[in-house]
Amino acid sequence: MTAENAADKIAELSLNKKFCGIRPMIQDIVIESWSHDIKILASYPNVYCKLSGLLNEAEPDASWESIKPYVDCLFESFGSQRMMWGSDFPVLNLVSDYQKWFEMCKSYILKCHPEGYREVFGRAAARFYQLECRSTDKLT
């Protein structure tokens, strides 16, 4: 069963997949079919997306500019309400490091989606995992 089928058939099932289980081919610069599939999954309100794994799909030493179109697509599709940041640690260490990835995402979100900062770095995950979110006020 695909994520799309599960999301459609089991509305009470919450799904969270790293880039929705659809691996972007960043090295091959193939975004059109990937973004189409992402938008289909994002049309289901019970599907959340984890913002992680993108650097591992890109060229070694990839710049933010090479993955930005993919991040833009995820935010356009899911919004910050259904986006959760993920460190992708320890796999990330194959191509980058935790601090670099965190700073890339933090800078992007504060610049492009400042109202969603607390969502991506805490509140969306709390909702998805049905956790009490005491405070994300200190997230900056």
Protein backbone atom coordinates (compact mmCIF):
# COMPACT_ATOMS: atom_id res chain seq x y z
CA MET A 1 0.00 0.00 0.00
CA THR A 2 1.39 3.40 -0.90
CA ALA A 3 1.35 6.39 1.42
CA GLU A 4 -1.27 8.00 -0.81
CA ASN A 5 -3.52 4.92 -0.61
CA ALA A 6 -3.12 4.72 3.16
CA ALA A 7 -3.85 8.42 3.62
CA ASP A 8 -6.94 8.10 1.46
CA LYS A 9 -8.32 4.90 2.97
CA ILE A 10 -7.53 5.49 6.64
CA ALA A 11 -8.31 9.13 7.36
CA GLU A 12 -7.66 8.76 11.10
CA LEU A 13 -4.14 7.47 10.40
CA SER A 14 -1.51 10.18 10.67
CA LEU A 15 1.43 9.71 8.33
CA ASN A 16 4.84 11.29 8.71
CA LYS A 17 7.47 10.43 6.18
CA LYS A 18 10.83 11.92 5.42
CA PHE A 19 10.10 14.00 2.34
CA CYS A 20 6.92 11.91 2.29
CA GLY A 21 8.75 8.77 1.28
CA ILE A 22 9.32 10.13 -2.20
CA ARG A 23 13.08 10.45 -2.64
CA PRO A 24 14.00 13.59 -4.51
CA MET A 25 16.63 13.12 -7.19
CA ILE A 26 18.45 16.34 -6.37
CA GLN A 27 21.69 15.17 -7.97
CA ASP A 28 19.81 14.67 -11.24
CA ILE A 29 17.89 17.95 -10.86
CA VAL A 30 14.54 16.22 -11.33
CA ILE A 31 11.93 18.22 -9.45
CA GLU A 32 8.81 18.24 -11.64
CA SER A 33 7.57 14.70 -11.06
CA TRP A 34 8.72 14.76 -7.42
CA SER A 35 6.84 17.99 -6.69
CA HIS A 36 3.73 16.62 -8.38
CA ASP A 37 3.78 13.54 -6.11
CA ILE A 38 4.47 15.68 -3.03
CA LYS A 39 1.49 17.90 -3.80
CA ILE A 40 -0.77 14.86 -4.10
CA LEU A 41 0.31 13.57 -0.67
CA ALA A 42 0.02 17.05 0.85
CA SER A 43 -3.61 17.19 -0.26
CA TYR A 44 -4.38 14.73 2.55
CA PRO A 45 -4.64 16.63 5.86
CA ASN A 46 -3.43 13.59 7.84
CA VAL A 47 -0.04 13.54 6.08
CA TYR A 48 2.85 15.44 7.64
CA CYS A 49 6.33 15.89 6.20
CA LYS A 50 9.68 15.73 7.94
CA LEU A 51 12.22 18.23 6.65
CA SER A 52 15.27 15.99 6.61
CA GLY A 53 17.35 13.83 4.30
CA LEU A 54 17.65 16.36 1.52
CA LEU A 55 21.39 16.91 1.86
CA ASN A 56 21.96 13.17 1.55
CA GLU A 57 20.12 13.22 -1.78
CA ALA A 58 22.17 16.13 -3.15
CA GLU A 59 25.71 16.34 -4.46
CA PRO A 60 28.48 16.11 -1.88
CA ASP A 61 29.09 19.57 -0.35
CA ALA A 62 25.78 20.76 -1.77
CA SER A 63 24.86 24.38 -1.26
CA TRP A 64 21.56 25.54 0.14
CA GLU A 65 20.67 26.87 -3.33
CA SER A 66 20.73 23.33 -4.75
CA ILE A 67 18.11 22.06 -2.31
CA LYS A 68 16.10 25.25 -1.84
CA PRO A 69 13.62 24.48 -4.68
CA TYR A 70 12.77 21.22 -2.91
CA VAL A 71 12.35 22.92 0.45
CA ASP A 72 10.21 25.62 -1.20
CA CYS A 73 7.99 22.90 -2.68
CA LEU A 74 7.57 21.21 0.70
CA PHE A 75 6.55 24.45 2.39
CA GLU A 76 4.21 25.39 -0.46
CA SER A 77 2.61 21.97 -0.28
CA PHE A 78 2.42 21.28 3.46
CA GLY A 79 2.79 24.71 5.02
CA SER A 80 4.54 25.04 8.33
CA GLN A 81 1.55 23.49 10.14
CA ARG A 82 2.46 20.02 8.83
CA MET A 83 6.25 20.33 8.54
CA MET A 84 8.61 18.93 11.16
CA TRP A 85 12.34 19.49 11.18
CA GLY A 86 14.52 16.40 11.38
CA SER A 87 18.25 16.19 11.95
CA ASP A 88 18.77 13.04 9.87
CA PHE A 89 21.53 12.20 12.35
CA PRO A 90 23.74 10.16 12.09
CA VAL A 91 23.25 9.53 8.35
CA LEU A 92 23.70 13.24 7.72
CA ASN A 93 27.32 12.92 8.82
CA LEU A 94 28.08 11.17 5.54
CA VAL A 95 27.68 14.47 3.67
CA SER A 96 27.45 17.27 6.22
CA ASP A 97 26.85 17.80 9.92
CA TYR A 98 24.04 18.51 12.33
CA GLN A 99 24.95 22.15 13.01
CA LYS A 100 25.22 23.08 9.33
CA TRP A 101 21.85 21.47 8.50
CA PHE A 102 20.17 23.08 11.50
CA GLU A 103 21.54 26.52 10.64
CA MET A 104 20.54 26.17 6.97
CA CYS A 105 16.97 25.31 7.90
CA LYS A 106 16.74 27.86 10.71
CA SER A 107 17.95 30.68 8.43
CA TYR A 108 15.57 29.69 5.65
CA ILE A 109 12.54 29.43 7.90
CA LEU A 110 13.25 32.68 9.74
CA LYS A 111 13.64 34.46 6.39
CA CYS A 112 10.88 32.84 4.33
CA HIS A 113 8.37 31.53 6.89
CA PRO A 114 9.04 33.33 10.18
CA GLU A 115 5.49 32.75 11.42
CA GLY A 116 6.08 29.01 11.05
CA TYR A 117 9.35 28.74 12.96
CA ARG A 118 7.82 27.34 16.14
CA GLU A 119 5.61 25.02 14.11
CA VAL A 120 8.48 23.38 12.24
CA PHE A 121 10.75 23.16 15.27
CA GLY A 122 8.23 21.80 17.74
CA ARG A 123 4.51 22.41 17.52
CA ALA A 124 3.81 20.34 14.39
CA ALA A 125 5.64 17.36 15.92
CA ALA A 126 3.74 17.79 19.19
CA ARG A 127 0.45 17.72 17.27
CA PHE A 128 1.49 14.77 15.12
CA TYR A 129 2.71 12.65 18.03
CA GLN A 130 -0.13 13.91 20.26
CA LEU A 131 2.24 15.34 22.84
CA GLU A 132 1.62 18.15 25.24
CA CYS A 133 3.54 21.14 23.97
CA ARG A 134 4.37 23.15 27.07
CA SER A 135 6.16 25.98 25.33
CA THR A 136 8.01 26.66 22.14
CA ASP A 137 8.52 30.32 23.05
CA LYS A 138 12.21 29.74 23.67
CA LEU A 139 12.75 28.45 20.11
CA THR A 140 14.70 31.14 18.31
